[in-house]
Amino acid sequence: MGHMEKPEFPFDSQSKTVPEDDGLTLTGERARAMLDRLEEDREEAKRRRRAGRPKGVLDDRLVGGLRNCTILQLGNAKKLCDRLIARQLKPPLDRDCGARYTMRVQASVAVKNERYRLEFDRSSLKEPKVYAKGPYVRRYWWDGDYVKVRYIKKDKYLRTNLPRKVWTEFRGLLDSPENERIRRQLAEKLRREES
């Protein structure tokens, strides 16, 4: 058996060729340069995946993994995809929703694959004075394995920005005098928890 000589520096994992000498003399500098290139490649692949996500572009790794599957595995993958599609076509459950500082949900309405909620929040505990605020209108929907959230601004376009079903449910609650009492109760609860 012949003895193979080790190269002075590792192979480039993408092109399977030895990188050209780029003037770096120390092995540590070469290693850092290669790690920097690998990190840049990783970031570029991540950027491409994110850019292709809204367009429905499949990741090369996913396509390669599916290509290597047997017929039985592909059938199981199809069943799993059907279940995941069915889940994303439904609105998220209330337990899956909720922004970080949400304290109370005054109303929740599901429309198609979205959930609209009227929520009271608290300020950050890092602030000198912790207080309750709201109600805020938020829209939740599935995006892959995550529930995305978007705040809907309460302005003169609110009625047109909300589905009719949601507007009729929220209309009486948005400017209700009851909201001030709820904010006071939540603020009192926060003060008790703080001390």
Protein backbone atom coordinates (compact mmCIF):
# COMPACT_ATOMS: atom_id res chain seq x y z
CA MET A 1 0.00 0.00 0.00
CA GLY A 2 1.24 3.44 -0.93
CA HIS A 3 1.49 6.23 1.57
CA MET A 4 -0.65 9.31 0.82
CA GLU A 5 0.81 12.64 1.74
CA LYS A 6 -1.37 15.05 3.71
CA PRO A 7 -1.88 18.43 2.11
CA GLU A 8 -0.48 21.41 3.98
CA PHE A 9 -3.99 22.88 4.38
CA PRO A 10 -7.49 21.38 4.23
CA PHE A 11 -9.51 21.02 1.04
CA ASP A 12 -12.22 23.51 0.14
CA SER A 13 -15.44 21.63 0.99
CA GLN A 14 -17.49 23.23 -1.83
CA SER A 15 -15.24 22.74 -4.84
CA LYS A 16 -13.29 19.69 -3.57
CA THR A 17 -10.09 21.37 -4.72
CA VAL A 18 -7.14 22.70 -2.84
CA PRO A 19 -7.44 26.51 -2.55
CA GLU A 20 -4.76 28.50 -4.26
CA ASP A 21 -2.09 30.16 -2.18
CA ASP A 22 -3.46 33.65 -1.62
CA GLY A 23 -0.33 35.09 -0.07
CA LEU A 24 -1.10 33.96 3.48
CA THR A 25 1.95 32.41 5.00
CA LEU A 26 0.85 31.14 8.38
CA THR A 27 -1.34 28.08 8.79
CA GLY A 28 -3.49 29.90 11.37
CA GLU A 29 -4.14 32.75 8.94
CA ARG A 30 -5.11 30.27 6.22
CA ALA A 31 -7.46 28.50 8.61
CA ARG A 32 -9.09 31.78 9.63
CA ALA A 33 -9.49 32.80 5.99
CA MET A 34 -11.11 29.46 5.17
CA LEU A 35 -13.44 29.72 8.18
CA ASP A 36 -14.41 33.23 7.10
CA ARG A 37 -15.18 31.95 3.58
CA LEU A 38 -17.26 29.08 4.98
CA GLU A 39 -19.18 31.49 7.21
CA GLU A 40 -19.83 33.80 4.24
CA ASP A 41 -21.07 30.81 2.20
CA ARG A 42 -23.35 29.77 5.06
CA GLU A 43 -24.78 33.28 5.36
CA GLU A 44 -25.33 33.47 1.58
CA ALA A 45 -27.15 30.10 1.60
CA LYS A 46 -29.28 31.28 4.53
CA ARG A 47 -30.13 34.51 2.68
CA ARG A 48 -31.11 32.53 -0.45
CA ARG A 49 -33.31 30.19 1.62
CA ARG A 50 -35.09 33.13 3.23
CA ALA A 51 -35.53 34.91 -0.11
CA GLY A 52 -36.98 31.77 -1.71
CA ARG A 53 -39.32 30.99 1.20
CA PRO A 54 -42.23 33.31 0.20
CA LYS A 55 -41.92 32.09 -3.41
CA GLY A 56 -42.13 28.43 -2.35
CA VAL A 57 -38.60 27.58 -3.53
CA LEU A 58 -37.38 24.30 -2.03
CA ASP A 59 -34.01 24.17 -0.30
CA ASP A 60 -31.32 22.12 -2.10
CA ARG A 61 -30.85 19.97 1.01
CA LEU A 62 -34.56 19.13 1.10
CA VAL A 63 -34.62 18.26 -2.60
CA GLY A 64 -31.51 16.11 -2.19
CA GLY A 65 -33.00 14.35 0.83
CA LEU A 66 -36.24 13.60 -1.04
CA ARG A 67 -34.31 12.37 -4.07
CA ASN A 68 -32.61 9.77 -1.85
CA CYS A 69 -35.92 8.44 -0.45
CA THR A 70 -37.60 5.18 -1.33
CA ILE A 71 -41.20 5.06 -2.59
CA LEU A 72 -42.45 4.16 0.90
CA GLN A 73 -40.53 7.05 2.46
CA LEU A 74 -41.85 9.45 -0.20
CA GLY A 75 -45.41 8.29 0.54
CA ASN A 76 -44.89 8.94 4.26
CA ALA A 77 -43.38 12.35 3.45
CA LYS A 78 -46.45 13.17 1.33
CA LYS A 79 -48.80 12.22 4.20
CA LEU A 80 -46.81 14.41 6.56
CA CYS A 81 -46.92 17.30 4.06
CA ASP A 82 -50.71 16.92 3.75
CA ARG A 83 -51.07 17.13 7.56
CA LEU A 84 -48.81 20.19 7.75
CA ILE A 85 -50.70 21.92 4.92
CA ALA A 86 -54.00 21.21 6.68
CA ARG A 87 -52.61 22.73 9.89
CA GLN A 88 -51.43 25.90 8.13
CA LEU A 89 -54.81 26.33 6.42
CA LYS A 90 -56.42 26.64 9.87
CA PRO A 91 -55.97 29.61 12.22
CA PRO A 92 -53.60 29.12 15.15
CA LEU A 93 -55.23 28.21 18.44
CA ASP A 94 -55.35 30.81 21.21
CA ARG A 95 -52.73 28.88 23.17
CA ASP A 96 -50.32 29.22 20.20
CA CYS A 97 -50.81 33.00 20.03
CA GLY A 98 -49.65 35.74 22.31
CA ALA A 99 -47.05 38.42 22.17
CA ARG A 100 -44.34 38.50 24.82
CA TYR A 101 -46.02 40.93 27.19
CA THR A 102 -49.66 39.96 26.65
CA MET A 103 -51.56 39.90 29.95
CA ARG A 104 -55.18 39.51 28.96
CA VAL A 105 -57.16 38.71 25.81
CA GLN A 106 -60.44 40.57 25.62
CA ALA A 107 -61.68 38.93 22.40
CA SER A 108 -60.44 36.39 19.85
CA VAL A 109 -61.92 35.77 16.39
CA ALA A 110 -60.78 33.27 13.74
CA VAL A 111 -61.18 34.14 10.06
CA LYS A 112 -59.94 31.67 7.41
CA ASN A 113 -56.34 30.84 8.41
CA GLU A 114 -55.86 33.86 10.69
CA ARG A 115 -56.75 34.72 14.27
CA TYR A 116 -57.45 38.29 15.38
CA ARG A 117 -57.15 39.14 19.06
CA LEU A 118 -57.85 42.20 21.18
CA GLU A 119 -55.12 42.14 23.85
CA PHE A 120 -53.94 44.08 26.90
CA ASP A 121 -50.17 44.21 27.42
CA ARG A 122 -47.79 45.26 30.15
CA SER A 123 -44.70 47.37 29.82
CA SER A 124 -41.27 45.79 30.19
CA LEU A 125 -40.32 44.83 33.74
CA LYS A 126 -37.01 46.65 33.18
CA GLU A 127 -38.78 50.01 33.00
CA PRO A 128 -38.89 52.07 36.22
CA LYS A 129 -42.69 51.99 36.29
CA VAL A 130 -44.53 48.88 35.10
CA TYR A 131 -48.00 49.56 33.74
CA ALA A 132 -50.78 47.93 31.71
CA LYS A 133 -51.72 49.23 28.28
CA GLY A 134 -54.12 48.43 25.48
CA PRO A 135 -56.25 47.06 24.06
CA TYR A 136 -54.26 46.27 20.90
CA VAL A 137 -55.49 44.50 17.77
CA ARG A 138 -53.15 41.78 16.54
CA ARG A 139 -53.34 39.29 13.69
CA TYR A 140 -51.77 35.81 14.02
CA TRP A 141 -51.12 33.18 11.33
CA TRP A 142 -48.96 30.11 10.77
CA ASP A 143 -45.67 30.48 8.89
CA GLY A 144 -44.07 27.07 8.84
CA ASP A 145 -43.66 25.92 12.43
CA TYR A 146 -44.00 29.46 13.81
CA VAL A 147 -46.96 31.64 14.56
CA LYS A 148 -46.36 35.09 13.11
CA VAL A 149 -47.95 38.20 14.57
CA ARG A 150 -48.70 41.64 13.17
CA TYR A 151 -49.99 44.66 15.06
CA ILE A 152 -52.91 46.41 13.37
CA LYS A 153 -52.83 50.13 13.97
CA LYS A 154 -55.95 51.72 15.48
CA ASP A 155 -56.47 54.58 13.08
CA LYS A 156 -59.20 55.76 10.71
CA TYR A 157 -58.48 52.76 8.42
CA LEU A 158 -58.98 50.14 11.13
CA ARG A 159 -62.46 49.24 9.93
CA THR A 160 -61.23 48.58 6.39
CA ASN A 161 -58.10 46.76 7.60
CA LEU A 162 -60.15 44.19 9.54
CA PRO A 163 -62.48 41.54 8.14
CA ARG A 164 -66.16 42.39 8.71
CA LYS A 165 -66.61 39.54 11.22
CA VAL A 166 -63.70 40.85 13.31
CA TRP A 167 -64.79 44.48 13.10
CA THR A 168 -68.32 43.69 14.31
CA GLU A 169 -66.87 41.73 17.26
CA PHE A 170 -64.23 44.31 18.22
CA ARG A 171 -66.12 47.56 17.44
CA GLY A 172 -67.86 47.83 20.81
CA LEU A 173 -64.80 46.72 22.79
CA LEU A 174 -62.17 49.06 21.34
CA ASP A 175 -63.33 52.28 23.04
CA SER A 176 -65.34 50.77 25.86
CA PRO A 177 -65.23 52.57 29.25
CA GLU A 178 -64.61 49.09 30.69
CA ASN A 179 -61.06 49.20 29.25
CA GLU A 180 -59.88 51.72 31.85
CA ARG A 181 -61.10 49.49 34.69
CA ILE A 182 -59.31 46.50 33.12
CA ARG A 183 -56.07 48.50 32.82
CA ARG A 184 -56.30 49.52 36.49
CA GLN A 185 -56.90 45.90 37.57
CA LEU A 186 -53.93 44.67 35.53
CA ALA A 187 -51.70 47.47 36.85
CA GLU A 188 -52.67 46.58 40.43
CA LYS A 189 -51.85 42.94 39.72
CA LEU A 190 -48.44 43.98 38.35
CA ARG A 191 -47.71 46.08 41.46
CA ARG A 192 -48.57 43.14 43.71
CA GLU A 193 -46.29 40.82 41.69
CA GLU A 194 -43.48 43.39 41.77
CA SER A 195 -43.39 43.62 45.55
